[in-house]
């Protein structure tokens, strides 16, 4: 199973063909080598193992990120509950 995470493009370095993206408050650099269409600041993209794979609609990206955050929150709650048992 592969997981592609929606991320927002916050800067682009054309000399290295990379973009800095932000996902749930974490920033990282990702390669644009696999992209066939132009990526611009503010675009939402799908990231997979360090490569930007495709663009994604902003509304779909935000909904996915909301669901990811809910899963993370639930896992953290379960971990805290287990620690105090």
PDB file of N, CA and C in Angstrom:
ATOM      1  N   UNK A   1       0.838  -1.169   0.000  1.00  0.00           N
ATOM      2  CA  UNK A   1       0.000   0.000   0.000  1.00  0.00           C
ATOM      3  C   UNK A   1       0.890   1.242   0.000  1.00  0.00           C
ATOM      4  N   UNK A   2       0.527   2.212  -0.797  1.00  0.00           N
ATOM      5  CA  UNK A   2       1.270   3.469  -0.866  1.00  0.00           C
ATOM      6  C   UNK A   2       0.426   4.572  -0.244  1.00  0.00           C
ATOM      7  N   UNK A   3       1.109   5.506   0.375  1.00  0.00           N
ATOM      8  CA  UNK A   3       0.431   6.633   0.991  1.00  0.00           C
ATOM      9  C   UNK A   3       1.011   7.904   0.418  1.00  0.00           C
ATOM     10  N   UNK A   4       0.195   8.698  -0.236  1.00  0.00           N
ATOM     11  CA  UNK A   4       0.616  10.001  -0.756  1.00  0.00           C
ATOM     12  C   UNK A   4      -0.048  11.056   0.115  1.00  0.00           C
ATOM     13  N   UNK A   5       0.749  11.971   0.618  1.00  0.00           N
ATOM     14  CA  UNK A   5       0.263  12.948   1.579  1.00  0.00           C
ATOM     15  C   UNK A   5       0.071  14.309   0.921  1.00  0.00           C
ATOM     16  N   UNK A   6      -1.113  14.926   1.062  1.00  0.00           N
ATOM     17  CA  UNK A   6      -1.319  16.266   0.507  1.00  0.00           C
ATOM     18  C   UNK A   6      -0.449  17.277   1.242  1.00  0.00           C
ATOM     19  N   UNK A   7       0.197  18.144   0.472  1.00  0.00           N
ATOM     20  CA  UNK A   7       1.096  19.142   1.035  1.00  0.00           C
ATOM     21  C   UNK A   7       0.975  20.431   0.242  1.00  0.00           C
ATOM     22  N   UNK A   8       1.238  21.555   0.909  1.00  0.00           N
ATOM     23  CA  UNK A   8       1.148  22.866   0.256  1.00  0.00           C
ATOM     24  C   UNK A   8       2.541  23.339  -0.140  1.00  0.00           C
ATOM     25  N   UNK A   9       2.674  23.809  -1.380  1.00  0.00           N
ATOM     26  CA  UNK A   9       3.946  24.330  -1.877  1.00  0.00           C
ATOM     27  C   UNK A   9       4.153  25.733  -1.303  1.00  0.00           C
ATOM     28  N   UNK A  10       5.279  25.911  -0.573  1.00  0.00           N
ATOM     29  CA  UNK A  10       5.541  27.219   0.025  1.00  0.00           C
ATOM     30  C   UNK A  10       6.748  27.917  -0.590  1.00  0.00           C
ATOM     31  N   UNK A  11       7.574  27.181  -1.333  1.00  0.00           N
ATOM     32  CA  UNK A  11       8.640  27.811  -2.120  1.00  0.00           C
ATOM     33  C   UNK A  11       9.107  26.831  -3.186  1.00  0.00           C
ATOM     34  N   UNK A  12       9.736  27.383  -4.219  1.00  0.00           N
ATOM     35  CA  UNK A  12      10.219  26.574  -5.338  1.00  0.00           C
ATOM     36  C   UNK A  12      11.649  26.997  -5.649  1.00  0.00           C
ATOM     37  N   UNK A  13      12.521  26.007  -5.837  1.00  0.00           N
ATOM     38  CA  UNK A  13      13.900  26.256  -6.243  1.00  0.00           C
ATOM     39  C   UNK A  13      14.077  25.647  -7.633  1.00  0.00           C
ATOM     40  N   UNK A  14      13.968  26.470  -8.657  1.00  0.00           N
ATOM     41  CA  UNK A  14      14.050  25.967 -10.035  1.00  0.00           C
ATOM     42  C   UNK A  14      15.442  25.458 -10.376  1.00  0.00           C
ATOM     43  N   UNK A  15      16.482  25.974  -9.699  1.00  0.00           N
ATOM     44  CA  UNK A  15      17.843  25.517 -10.005  1.00  0.00           C
ATOM     45  C   UNK A  15      18.042  24.062  -9.586  1.00  0.00           C
ATOM     46  N   UNK A  16      17.367  23.626  -8.534  1.00  0.00           N
ATOM     47  CA  UNK A  16      17.469  22.235  -8.064  1.00  0.00           C
ATOM     48  C   UNK A  16      16.247  21.403  -8.450  1.00  0.00           C
ATOM     49  N   UNK A  17      15.248  22.049  -9.082  1.00  0.00           N
ATOM     50  CA  UNK A  17      13.986  21.396  -9.437  1.00  0.00           C
ATOM     51  C   UNK A  17      13.331  20.752  -8.213  1.00  0.00           C
ATOM     52  N   UNK A  18      13.271  21.556  -7.137  1.00  0.00           N
ATOM     53  CA  UNK A  18      12.648  21.101  -5.894  1.00  0.00           C
ATOM     54  C   UNK A  18      11.666  22.151  -5.403  1.00  0.00           C
ATOM     55  N   UNK A  19      10.829  21.732  -4.493  1.00  0.00           N
ATOM     56  CA  UNK A  19       9.897  22.640  -3.830  1.00  0.00           C
ATOM     57  C   UNK A  19       9.958  22.374  -2.339  1.00  0.00           C
ATOM     58  N   UNK A  20       9.789  23.422  -1.563  1.00  0.00           N
ATOM     59  CA  UNK A  20       9.600  23.246  -0.125  1.00  0.00           C
ATOM     60  C   UNK A  20       8.102  23.161   0.085  1.00  0.00           C
ATOM     61  N   UNK A  21       7.694  22.134   0.806  1.00  0.00           N
ATOM     62  CA  UNK A  21       6.277  21.901   1.046  1.00  0.00           C
ATOM     63  C   UNK A  21       6.028  21.850   2.543  1.00  0.00           C
ATOM     64  N   UNK A  22       4.778  22.096   2.906  1.00  0.00           N
ATOM     65  CA  UNK A  22       4.382  22.062   4.318  1.00  0.00           C
ATOM     66  C   UNK A  22       3.233  21.071   4.458  1.00  0.00           C
ATOM     67  N   UNK A  23       3.409  20.176   5.429  1.00  0.00           N
ATOM     68  CA  UNK A  23       2.395  19.162   5.718  1.00  0.00           C
ATOM     69  C   UNK A  23       2.167  19.121   7.216  1.00  0.00           C
ATOM     70  N   UNK A  24       0.978  19.499   7.654  1.00  0.00           N
ATOM     71  CA  UNK A  24       0.629  19.443   9.072  1.00  0.00           C
ATOM     72  C   UNK A  24       1.692  20.114   9.944  1.00  0.00           C
ATOM     73  N   UNK A  25       2.185  21.260   9.489  1.00  0.00           N
ATOM     74  CA  UNK A  25       3.149  22.030  10.253  1.00  0.00           C
ATOM     75  C   UNK A  25       4.606  21.639  10.055  1.00  0.00           C
ATOM     76  N   UNK A  26       4.860  20.607   9.277  1.00  0.00           N
ATOM     77  CA  UNK A  26       6.230  20.154   9.019  1.00  0.00           C
ATOM     78  C   UNK A  26       6.625  20.556   7.601  1.00  0.00           C
ATOM     79  N   UNK A  27       7.807  21.181   7.481  1.00  0.00           N
ATOM     80  CA  UNK A  27       8.306  21.575   6.172  1.00  0.00           C
ATOM     81  C   UNK A  27       9.410  20.624   5.736  1.00  0.00           C
ATOM     82  N   UNK A  28       9.437  20.359   4.427  1.00  0.00           N
ATOM     83  CA  UNK A  28      10.496  19.514   3.865  1.00  0.00           C
ATOM     84  C   UNK A  28      10.675  19.871   2.398  1.00  0.00           C
ATOM     85  N   UNK A  29      11.822  19.479   1.874  1.00  0.00           N
ATOM     86  CA  UNK A  29      12.101  19.686   0.459  1.00  0.00           C
ATOM     87  C   UNK A  29      11.714  18.428  -0.295  1.00  0.00           C
ATOM     88  N   UNK A  30      11.130  18.616  -1.481  1.00  0.00           N
ATOM     89  CA  UNK A  30      10.708  17.477  -2.291  1.00  0.00           C
ATOM     90  C   UNK A  30      11.071  17.727  -3.748  1.00  0.00           C
ATOM     91  N   UNK A  31      11.344  16.656  -4.446  1.00  0.00           N
ATOM     92  CA  UNK A  31      11.734  16.736  -5.846  1.00  0.00           C
ATOM     93  C   UNK A  31      10.528  16.973  -6.746  1.00  0.00           C
ATOM     94  N   UNK A  32      10.747  17.779  -7.779  1.00  0.00           N
ATOM     95  CA  UNK A  32       9.732  18.010  -8.802  1.00  0.00           C
ATOM     96  C   UNK A  32      10.021  17.193 -10.066  1.00  0.00           C
ATOM     97  N   UNK A  33      11.000  16.294 -10.010  1.00  0.00           N
ATOM     98  CA  UNK A  33      11.443  15.562 -11.199  1.00  0.00           C
ATOM     99  C   UNK A  33      10.346  14.730 -11.863  1.00  0.00           C
ATOM    100  N   UNK A  34       9.351  14.279 -11.113  1.00  0.00           N
ATOM    101  CA  UNK A  34       8.301  13.433 -11.688  1.00  0.00           C
ATOM    102  C   UNK A  34       7.065  14.212 -12.143  1.00  0.00           C
ATOM    103  N   UNK A  35       7.067  15.512 -11.913  1.00  0.00           N
ATOM    104  CA  UNK A  35       5.901  16.326 -12.292  1.00  0.00           C
ATOM    105  C   UNK A  35       5.937  16.674 -13.775  1.00  0.00           C
ATOM    106  N   UNK A  36       4.792  16.520 -14.418  1.00  0.00           N
ATOM    107  CA  UNK A  36       4.690  16.857 -15.837  1.00  0.00           C
ATOM    108  C   UNK A  36       4.060  18.230 -16.030  1.00  0.00           C
ATOM    109  N   UNK A  37       3.288  18.684 -15.040  1.00  0.00           N
ATOM    110  CA  UNK A  37       2.682  20.006 -15.146  1.00  0.00           C
ATOM    111  C   UNK A  37       3.380  20.982 -14.204  1.00  0.00           C
ATOM    112  N   UNK A  38       3.214  22.265 -14.479  1.00  0.00           N
ATOM    113  CA  UNK A  38       3.881  23.282 -13.672  1.00  0.00           C
ATOM    114  C   UNK A  38       3.274  23.353 -12.272  1.00  0.00           C
ATOM    115  N   UNK A  39       4.136  23.520 -11.288  1.00  0.00           N
ATOM    116  CA  UNK A  39       3.728  23.681  -9.899  1.00  0.00           C
ATOM    117  C   UNK A  39       4.038  25.115  -9.495  1.00  0.00           C
ATOM    118  N   UNK A  40       3.076  25.768  -8.835  1.00  0.00           N
ATOM    119  CA  UNK A  40       3.264  27.154  -8.411  1.00  0.00           C
ATOM    120  C   UNK A  40       3.049  27.279  -6.905  1.00  0.00           C
ATOM    121  N   UNK A  41       3.517  28.394  -6.348  1.00  0.00           N
ATOM    122  CA  UNK A  41       3.333  28.645  -4.919  1.00  0.00           C
ATOM    123  C   UNK A  41       1.862  28.561  -4.555  1.00  0.00           C
ATOM    124  N   UNK A  42       1.581  27.918  -3.444  1.00  0.00           N
ATOM    125  CA  UNK A  42       0.211  27.791  -2.965  1.00  0.00           C
ATOM    126  C   UNK A  42      -0.519  26.565  -3.476  1.00  0.00           C
ATOM    127  N   UNK A  43       0.039  25.893  -4.488  1.00  0.00           N
ATOM    128  CA  UNK A  43      -0.586  24.660  -4.980  1.00  0.00           C
ATOM    129  C   UNK A  43      -0.549  23.591  -3.897  1.00  0.00           C
ATOM    130  N   UNK A  44      -1.537  22.724  -3.915  1.00  0.00           N
ATOM    131  CA  UNK A  44      -1.516  21.521  -3.088  1.00  0.00           C
ATOM    132  C   UNK A  44      -1.100  20.372  -3.990  1.00  0.00           C
ATOM    133  N   UNK A  45      -0.182  19.566  -3.483  1.00  0.00           N
ATOM    134  CA  UNK A  45       0.375  18.468  -4.260  1.00  0.00           C
ATOM    135  C   UNK A  45       0.371  17.201  -3.415  1.00  0.00           C
ATOM    136  N   UNK A  46       0.528  16.074  -4.089  1.00  0.00           N
ATOM    137  CA  UNK A  46       0.653  14.800  -3.394  1.00  0.00           C
ATOM    138  C   UNK A  46       2.122  14.423  -3.347  1.00  0.00           C
ATOM    139  N   UNK A  47       2.596  14.133  -2.143  1.00  0.00           N
ATOM    140  CA  UNK A  47       3.986  13.781  -1.900  1.00  0.00           C
ATOM    141  C   UNK A  47       4.082  12.297  -1.599  1.00  0.00           C
ATOM    142  N   UNK A  48       5.053  11.642  -2.235  1.00  0.00           N
ATOM    143  CA  UNK A  48       5.285  10.225  -1.974  1.00  0.00           C
ATOM    144  C   UNK A  48       6.786   9.979  -2.024  1.00  0.00           C
ATOM    145  N   UNK A  49       7.334   9.481  -0.950  1.00  0.00           N
ATOM    146  CA  UNK A  49       8.754   9.168  -0.773  1.00  0.00           C
ATOM    147  C   UNK A  49       9.692  10.236  -1.344  1.00  0.00           C
ATOM    148  N   UNK A  50       9.403  11.485  -1.027  1.00  0.00           N
ATOM    149  CA  UNK A  50      10.291  12.578  -1.410  1.00  0.00           C
ATOM    150  C   UNK A  50      10.043  13.172  -2.771  1.00  0.00           C
ATOM    151  N   UNK A  51       9.064  12.675  -3.490  1.00  0.00           N
ATOM    152  CA  UNK A  51       8.745  13.175  -4.825  1.00  0.00           C
ATOM    153  C   UNK A  51       7.329  13.729  -4.861  1.00  0.00           C
ATOM    154  N   UNK A  52       7.174  14.862  -5.497  1.00  0.00           N
ATOM    155  CA  UNK A  52       5.841  15.403  -5.743  1.00  0.00           C
ATOM    156  C   UNK A  52       5.307  14.678  -6.965  1.00  0.00           C
ATOM    157  N   UNK A  53       4.151  14.032  -6.790  1.00  0.00           N
ATOM    158  CA  UNK A  53       3.609  13.156  -7.825  1.00  0.00           C
ATOM    159  C   UNK A  53       2.561  13.847  -8.704  1.00  0.00           C
ATOM    160  N   UNK A  54       1.722  14.691  -8.085  1.00  0.00           N
ATOM    161  CA  UNK A  54       0.657  15.342  -8.844  1.00  0.00           C
ATOM    162  C   UNK A  54       0.061  16.470  -8.014  1.00  0.00           C
ATOM    163  N   UNK A  55      -0.707  17.308  -8.687  1.00  0.00           N
ATOM    164  CA  UNK A  55      -1.450  18.350  -7.981  1.00  0.00           C
ATOM    165  C   UNK A  55      -2.743  17.745  -7.452  1.00  0.00           C
ATOM    166  N   UNK A  56      -3.301  18.403  -6.426  1.00  0.00           N
ATOM    167  CA  UNK A  56      -4.578  17.980  -5.866  1.00  0.00           C
ATOM    168  C   UNK A  56      -5.400  19.242  -5.603  1.00  0.00           C
ATOM    169  N   UNK A  57      -6.684  19.127  -5.784  1.00  0.00           N
ATOM    170  CA  UNK A  57      -7.598  20.231  -5.512  1.00  0.00           C
ATOM    171  C   UNK A  57      -7.474  20.662  -4.052  1.00  0.00           C
ATOM    172  N   UNK A  58      -7.476  21.970  -3.813  1.00  0.00           N
ATOM    173  CA  UNK A  58      -7.292  22.488  -2.449  1.00  0.00           C
ATOM    174  C   UNK A  58      -8.333  21.942  -1.477  1.00  0.00           C
ATOM    175  N   UNK A  59      -9.590  21.913  -1.872  1.00  0.00           N
ATOM    176  CA  UNK A  59     -10.639  21.421  -0.979  1.00  0.00           C
ATOM    177  C   UNK A  59     -10.417  19.950  -0.624  1.00  0.00           C
ATOM    178  N   UNK A  60     -10.054  19.140  -1.613  1.00  0.00           N
ATOM    179  CA  UNK A  60      -9.766  17.726  -1.352  1.00  0.00           C
ATOM    180  C   UNK A  60      -8.553  17.575  -0.435  1.00  0.00           C
ATOM    181  N   UNK A  61      -7.523  18.400  -0.671  1.00  0.00           N
ATOM    182  CA  UNK A  61      -6.314  18.342   0.157  1.00  0.00           C
ATOM    183  C   UNK A  61      -6.634  18.684   1.604  1.00  0.00           C
ATOM    184  N   UNK A  62      -7.391  19.750   1.815  1.00  0.00           N
ATOM    185  CA  UNK A  62      -7.719  20.171   3.173  1.00  0.00           C
ATOM    186  C   UNK A  62      -8.574  19.131   3.892  1.00  0.00           C
ATOM    187  N   UNK A  63      -9.480  18.495   3.171  1.00  0.00           N
ATOM    188  CA  UNK A  63     -10.305  17.442   3.772  1.00  0.00           C
ATOM    189  C   UNK A  63      -9.437  16.242   4.164  1.00  0.00           C
ATOM    190  N   UNK A  64      -8.521  15.860   3.282  1.00  0.00           N
ATOM    191  CA  UNK A  64      -7.611  14.754   3.597  1.00  0.00           C
ATOM    192  C   UNK A  64      -6.743  15.078   4.801  1.00  0.00           C
ATOM    193  N   UNK A  65      -6.200  16.296   4.847  1.00  0.00           N
ATOM    194  CA  UNK A  65      -5.348  16.695   5.970  1.00  0.00           C
ATOM    195  C   UNK A  65      -6.126  16.704   7.277  1.00  0.00           C
ATOM    196  N   UNK A  66      -7.391  17.095   7.212  1.00  0.00           N
ATOM    197  CA  UNK A  66      -8.244  17.074   8.404  1.00  0.00           C
ATOM    198  C   UNK A  66      -8.401  15.636   8.909  1.00  0.00           C
ATOM    199  N   UNK A  67      -8.612  14.711   7.995  1.00  0.00           N
ATOM    200  CA  UNK A  67      -8.756  13.301   8.379  1.00  0.00           C
ATOM    201  C   UNK A  67      -7.450  12.742   8.940  1.00  0.00           C
ATOM    202  N   UNK A  68      -6.318  13.085   8.315  1.00  0.00           N
ATOM    203  CA  UNK A  68      -5.018  12.654   8.856  1.00  0.00           C
ATOM    204  C   UNK A  68      -4.835  13.172  10.271  1.00  0.00           C
ATOM    205  N   UNK A  69      -5.162  14.446  10.497  1.00  0.00           N
ATOM    206  CA  UNK A  69      -4.990  15.029  11.826  1.00  0.00           C
ATOM    207  C   UNK A  69      -5.884  14.322  12.850  1.00  0.00           C
ATOM    208  N   UNK A  70      -7.103  13.984  12.452  1.00  0.00           N
ATOM    209  CA  UNK A  70      -7.993  13.254  13.354  1.00  0.00           C
ATOM    210  C   UNK A  70      -7.408  11.886  13.709  1.00  0.00           C
ATOM    211  N   UNK A  71      -6.815  11.209  12.733  1.00  0.00           N
ATOM    212  CA  UNK A  71      -6.195   9.904  13.008  1.00  0.00           C
ATOM    213  C   UNK A  71      -5.009  10.056  13.962  1.00  0.00           C
ATOM    214  N   UNK A  72      -4.187  11.071  13.737  1.00  0.00           N
ATOM    215  CA  UNK A  72      -3.036  11.323  14.605  1.00  0.00           C
ATOM    216  C   UNK A  72      -3.502  11.611  16.023  1.00  0.00           C
ATOM    217  N   UNK A  73      -4.506  12.473  16.150  1.00  0.00           N
ATOM    218  CA  UNK A  73      -5.036  12.805  17.472  1.00  0.00           C
ATOM    219  C   UNK A  73      -5.555  11.562  18.187  1.00  0.00           C
ATOM    220  N   UNK A  74      -6.261  10.711  17.464  1.00  0.00           N
ATOM    221  CA  UNK A  74      -6.809   9.481  18.050  1.00  0.00           C
ATOM    222  C   UNK A  74      -5.692   8.549  18.511  1.00  0.00           C
ATOM    223  N   UNK A  75      -4.653   8.408  17.692  1.00  0.00           N
ATOM    224  CA  UNK A  75      -3.525   7.549  18.072  1.00  0.00           C
ATOM    225  C   UNK A  75      -2.817   8.095  19.309  1.00  0.00           C
ATOM    226  N   UNK A  76      -2.662   9.419  19.384  1.00  0.00           N
ATOM    227  CA  UNK A  76      -2.025  10.025  20.554  1.00  0.00           C
ATOM    228  C   UNK A  76      -2.863   9.806  21.805  1.00  0.00           C
ATOM    229  N   UNK A  77      -4.188   9.938  21.693  1.00  0.00           N
ATOM    230  CA  UNK A  77      -5.066   9.707  22.834  1.00  0.00           C
ATOM    231  C   UNK A  77      -4.953   8.254  23.311  1.00  0.00           C
ATOM    232  N   UNK A  78      -4.932   7.315  22.371  1.00  0.00           N
ATOM    233  CA  UNK A  78      -4.819   5.902  22.729  1.00  0.00           C
ATOM    234  C   UNK A  78      -3.477   5.629  23.402  1.00  0.00           C
ATOM    235  N   UNK A  79      -2.417   6.245  22.898  1.00  0.00           N
ATOM    236  CA  UNK A  79      -1.082   6.055  23.478  1.00  0.00           C
ATOM    237  C   UNK A  79      -1.045   6.589  24.905  1.00  0.00           C
ATOM    238  N   UNK A  80      -1.621   7.766  25.144  1.00  0.00           N
ATOM    239  CA  UNK A  80      -1.652   8.350  26.485  1.00  0.00           C
ATOM    240  C   UNK A  80      -2.495   7.474  27.420  1.00  0.00           C
ATOM    241  N   UNK A  81      -3.639   7.002  26.925  1.00  0.00           N
ATOM    242  CA  UNK A  81      -4.497   6.132  27.734  1.00  0.00           C
ATOM    243  C   UNK A  81      -3.741   4.861  28.136  1.00  0.00           C
ATOM    244  N   UNK A  82      -3.001   4.271  27.217  1.00  0.00           N
ATOM    245  CA  UNK A  82      -2.239   3.046  27.503  1.00  0.00           C
ATOM    246  C   UNK A  82      -1.127   3.310  28.506  1.00  0.00           C
ATOM    247  N   UNK A  83      -0.503   4.481  28.421  1.00  0.00           N
ATOM    248  CA  UNK A  83       0.591   4.820  29.336  1.00  0.00           C
ATOM    249  C   UNK A  83       0.128   4.922  30.778  1.00  0.00           C
ATOM    250  N   UNK A  84      -1.104   5.355  30.997  1.00  0.00           N
ATOM    251  CA  UNK A  84      -1.607   5.586  32.359  1.00  0.00           C
ATOM    252  C   UNK A  84      -2.419   4.414  32.895  1.00  0.00           C
ATOM    253  N   UNK A  85      -2.425   3.296  32.216  1.00  0.00           N
ATOM    254  CA  UNK A  85      -3.148   2.111  32.717  1.00  0.00           C
ATOM    255  C   UNK A  85      -2.266   1.333  33.646  1.00  0.00           C
TER     256      UNK A  85
END
